[in-house]
Protein backbone atom coordinates (compact mmCIF):
# COMPACT_ATOMS: atom_id res chain seq x y z
CA MET A 1 211.56 95.59 79.60
CA LYS A 2 210.80 97.82 76.64
CA THR A 3 209.58 94.60 74.76
CA VAL A 4 207.56 93.28 77.73
CA LYS A 5 205.95 96.72 78.25
CA TRP A 6 205.16 97.48 74.40
CA LEU A 7 203.98 93.86 73.68
CA ALA A 8 201.35 93.90 76.52
CA ILE A 9 199.98 97.39 75.20
CA GLY A 10 199.67 95.99 71.94
CA MET A 11 197.95 92.79 73.47
CA THR A 12 195.64 94.83 75.12
CA ALA A 13 194.65 97.03 72.43
CA CYS A 14 193.85 93.80 70.40
CA LEU A 15 191.80 92.33 73.46
CA LEU A 16 190.19 95.52 73.91
CA PHE A 17 189.21 95.81 70.07
CA ASN A 18 187.95 92.43 69.68
CA PHE A 19 185.78 92.32 72.92
CA ARG A 20 184.59 96.19 71.96
CA GLY A 21 183.80 94.59 68.53
CA ALA A 22 181.71 91.80 69.97
CA ALA A 23 180.26 93.89 72.82
CA GLN A 24 178.54 96.74 70.13
CA THR A 25 175.36 94.35 69.38
CA PRO A 26 172.08 95.67 70.89
CA PHE A 27 170.17 92.88 72.39
CA TYR A 28 167.46 95.63 73.26
CA TYR A 29 167.27 98.91 71.45
CA ASN A 30 164.65 101.42 71.94
CA TYR A 31 165.95 104.95 71.06
CA GLY A 32 164.16 108.25 70.47
CA ASP A 33 161.58 110.50 72.39
CA ASN A 34 158.28 110.02 70.56
CA GLY A 35 156.41 109.62 73.53
CA GLY A 36 158.00 112.71 75.65
CA LEU A 37 158.90 112.43 79.03
CA LEU A 38 157.90 110.14 82.21
CA ASN A 39 158.75 112.91 84.89
CA ILE A 40 159.34 111.47 88.49
CA THR A 41 159.96 112.71 91.75
CA ASN A 42 162.00 112.10 94.83
CA GLY A 43 162.00 108.15 96.01
CA GLU A 44 159.85 107.03 93.39
CA GLU A 45 160.97 104.06 91.50
CA VAL A 46 159.62 103.22 88.16
CA GLY A 47 160.51 100.32 85.84
CA ASN A 48 160.34 99.29 82.44
CA GLU A 49 159.52 95.32 81.75
CA ILE A 50 161.76 94.01 78.76
CA LEU A 51 161.63 91.26 76.88
CA ALA A 52 165.18 91.27 75.35
CA LEU A 53 166.74 88.94 73.07
CA SER A 54 167.91 85.78 74.61
CA GLY A 55 171.66 84.21 75.08
CA ASN A 56 173.48 87.69 75.83
CA TYR A 57 175.83 88.78 78.48
CA LEU A 58 175.18 92.53 79.01
CA THR A 59 178.39 94.82 78.46
CA ASN A 60 176.88 98.31 78.75
CA PHE A 61 173.80 100.31 78.51
CA ASP A 62 172.64 103.76 77.52
CA LEU A 63 169.85 105.55 79.15
CA PRO A 64 168.60 109.47 77.79
CA PHE A 65 167.13 111.67 80.31
CA TYR A 66 166.03 115.38 81.37
CA ASP A 67 167.51 116.76 84.38
CA SER A 68 166.58 120.42 85.50
CA GLY A 69 168.21 120.15 88.82
CA THR A 70 171.42 121.92 89.98
CA TYR A 71 174.99 120.16 88.95
CA GLY A 72 175.69 117.34 91.05
CA ASP A 73 172.64 117.53 93.57
CA VAL A 74 170.48 115.11 91.51
CA ASN A 75 171.07 111.39 92.47
CA LEU A 76 170.01 108.18 90.42
CA GLU A 77 170.00 104.49 91.27
CA ILE A 78 169.68 101.94 88.60
CA ILE A 79 168.35 98.42 89.45
CA PHE A 80 167.58 95.53 87.31
CA GLN A 81 164.84 92.90 88.96
CA LEU A 82 163.07 89.50 88.10
CA ASN A 83 159.29 89.84 87.70
CA ASN A 84 158.83 87.18 90.32
CA GLY A 85 156.89 89.40 92.60
CA ALA A 86 153.25 89.57 93.26
CA GLY A 87 151.44 89.54 90.22
CA GLY A 88 154.45 89.39 88.07
CA SER A 89 155.75 92.77 89.49
CA PRO A 90 159.58 93.18 89.78
CA GLY A 91 160.90 91.08 92.77
CA THR A 92 164.45 89.45 93.18
CA VAL A 93 167.24 92.08 92.37
CA PHE A 94 170.16 91.04 90.31
CA TYR A 95 171.71 94.52 89.83
CA ASP A 96 171.86 97.41 92.09
CA SER A 97 174.18 100.34 91.11
CA GLY A 98 173.55 101.82 94.69
CA THR A 99 173.15 106.06 94.61
CA PHE A 100 175.31 107.88 92.36
CA ALA A 101 175.36 111.72 91.63
CA LEU A 102 174.55 113.08 87.96
CA ASP A 103 177.58 115.08 87.71
CA LEU A 104 176.08 116.60 84.37
CA PRO A 105 175.27 120.11 82.82
CA ILE A 106 171.32 120.68 83.12
CA GLY A 107 169.46 119.46 80.41
CA ASN A 108 169.29 116.46 78.30
CA GLY A 109 171.75 113.65 79.10
CA ALA A 110 172.45 109.98 79.04
CA LEU A 111 173.88 107.45 81.45
CA ASP A 112 176.50 105.42 79.51
CA PHE A 113 177.33 102.41 82.01
CA ASN A 114 179.92 100.00 80.58
CA ILE A 115 181.30 96.65 82.19
CA ASN A 116 183.38 98.25 84.78
CA ASP A 117 180.52 100.22 85.95
CA LEU A 118 178.46 97.23 86.21
CA THR A 119 180.75 94.97 88.39
CA THR A 120 182.38 97.20 90.70
CA GLY A 121 181.37 99.45 93.55
CA ASP A 122 177.79 98.78 93.27
CA ILE A 123 175.19 97.57 96.21
CA VAL A 124 174.75 94.26 93.81
CA PRO A 125 177.40 93.62 91.05
CA LEU A 126 176.02 92.47 87.94
CA ASN A 127 177.19 88.61 87.41
CA ILE A 128 179.11 88.97 84.15
CA ASN A 129 179.06 84.96 83.84
CA ALA A 130 175.43 85.02 83.52
CA THR A 131 173.37 85.83 80.54
CA ILE A 132 170.52 88.47 81.12
CA PRO A 133 167.24 87.41 81.64
CA THR A 134 164.62 87.61 78.79
CA ASP A 135 162.17 88.95 81.06
CA PHE A 136 163.17 91.56 83.62
CA THR A 137 162.54 95.09 84.92
CA PHE A 138 164.90 98.02 84.43
CA SER A 139 164.09 100.37 87.01
CA VAL A 140 165.33 104.02 88.33
CA ILE A 141 164.98 105.94 91.39
CA VAL A 142 165.73 109.51 91.70
CA LYS A 143 166.58 111.66 94.76
CA GLY A 144 167.92 115.10 95.57
CA LEU A 145 165.52 117.14 93.50
CA THR A 146 164.66 120.45 95.05
CA GLY A 147 162.23 123.21 94.54
CA ASP A 148 161.41 123.22 90.81
CA ASP A 149 163.84 120.23 89.67
CA THR A 150 162.46 117.85 87.29
CA PHE A 151 163.82 114.93 86.20
CA GLY A 152 162.41 112.84 83.34
CA LEU A 153 162.94 109.67 81.08
CA TYR A 154 162.21 109.75 77.50
CA LEU A 155 159.44 107.45 76.27
CA ASN A 156 159.58 105.83 72.86
CA ASP A 157 157.96 103.15 70.90
CA PRO A 158 158.18 100.72 69.61
CA PRO A 159 161.53 99.20 70.31
CA THR A 160 163.36 97.98 67.12
CA VAL A 161 165.27 95.26 68.77
CA GLY A 162 163.49 93.26 71.42
CA THR A 163 160.06 93.87 72.93
CA SER A 164 158.45 95.46 75.99
CA TYR A 165 154.97 95.09 77.60
CA ASN A 166 152.76 98.24 76.83
CA ASP A 167 152.90 99.53 80.43
CA TYR A 168 155.39 100.53 83.27
CA TRP A 169 155.91 99.71 86.67
CA PHE A 170 155.46 102.39 89.76
CA ASN A 171 156.44 102.26 93.38
CA ASN A 172 156.27 105.47 95.58
CA ASN A 173 157.11 102.88 98.79
CA GLU A 174 153.64 103.72 99.97
CA SER A 175 151.24 101.18 97.98
CA GLY A 176 153.77 98.72 96.45
CA TRP A 177 154.20 98.20 92.83
CA GLN A 178 151.53 99.56 90.64
CA ASP A 179 150.83 98.70 86.82
CA LEU A 180 150.38 101.88 84.90
CA SER A 181 150.22 103.12 81.24
CA PHE A 182 149.46 106.22 79.21
CA ALA A 183 146.51 106.37 76.85
CA ASP A 184 148.45 106.81 73.78
CA GLY A 185 150.38 103.55 74.56
CA THR A 186 153.73 105.09 74.48
CA ASN A 187 155.05 103.49 77.94
CA ASN A 188 158.50 102.22 77.13
CA PHE A 189 161.82 104.00 78.27
CA ALA A 190 164.21 105.24 75.72
CA LEU A 191 166.83 102.54 76.36
CA GLU A 192 169.57 100.60 74.78
CA LEU A 193 171.08 97.53 76.13
CA ASP A 194 174.40 96.04 74.35
CA GLY A 195 175.70 92.79 74.83
CA SER A 196 177.87 89.79 73.89
CA PRO A 197 177.64 86.11 73.15
CA THR A 198 180.32 85.52 75.51
CA PRO A 199 181.33 86.82 78.91
CA ALA A 200 183.27 89.97 79.45
CA PRO A 201 186.73 88.68 80.65
CA GLU A 202 187.62 89.66 84.22
CA PRO A 203 190.20 92.39 84.64
CA THR A 204 192.81 89.93 86.37
CA THR A 205 192.30 87.39 83.96
CA ILE A 206 193.20 90.08 80.92
CA ALA A 207 196.30 91.11 83.05
CA ILE A 208 197.56 87.08 83.64
CA SER A 209 197.03 86.88 79.90
CA LEU A 210 198.97 89.64 78.68
CA LEU A 211 202.01 89.04 80.77
CA SER A 212 201.82 85.20 79.84
CA GLY A 213 201.58 86.16 76.16
CA ALA A 214 204.35 88.65 76.85
CA GLY A 215 206.68 85.97 78.35
CA LEU A 216 206.19 83.53 75.64
CA LEU A 217 207.23 86.11 72.92
CA LEU A 218 210.16 87.25 74.71
CA ALA A 219 211.29 83.76 75.41
CA ALA A 220 210.58 82.89 71.59
CA ARG A 221 212.74 85.83 70.73
CA ARG A 222 215.39 84.84 72.74
CA ARG A 223 215.30 81.50 71.33
CA ARG A 224 215.82 82.68 68.04
CA GLN A 225 218.99 84.90 69.07
């Protein structure tokens, strides 16, 4: 049993190392804070329409933010939408995280979603067998702010990988989507999207591969004895 156990652990490490290496390539990268903060209030949805490099399967993303709310009280929802609504506005949802609490200290923070976060426990899980569209909106909804609480997304321009339109989408659930922009032209969220040219393996597939590989190696060892 020890042989099978340690072979499985070794193979797991190799698979994760190889996939991790492939997953670290940004197909959209716009990190910094040269445009200050875009502050949003409860129930408002703001979206950044992204023009990303093509042919990538999303593996993780990183979104910095500022939060002055009480620990665990502020909630977020992350949504990916095709821009097939009226006038090119966000429309069809292809990923929706659902509402989750920000159990983080007050101040600067960042969301770091990996492939497990993107495919389990969500309202609309990400289809890991489909490449990310080259034109879509990454949007955020904030809830749970009270009193003088503030929540803001950092703005930065220009992206160093991929591009983005010089505006942002805003929806307060009253007048529908609006196309807005700041006078200085800094309208893009600080955001990193990482991907791989091949789909992430399903967890069950990894497990089956590990057991099969361990069994084959053990059988080969027995033949040699």
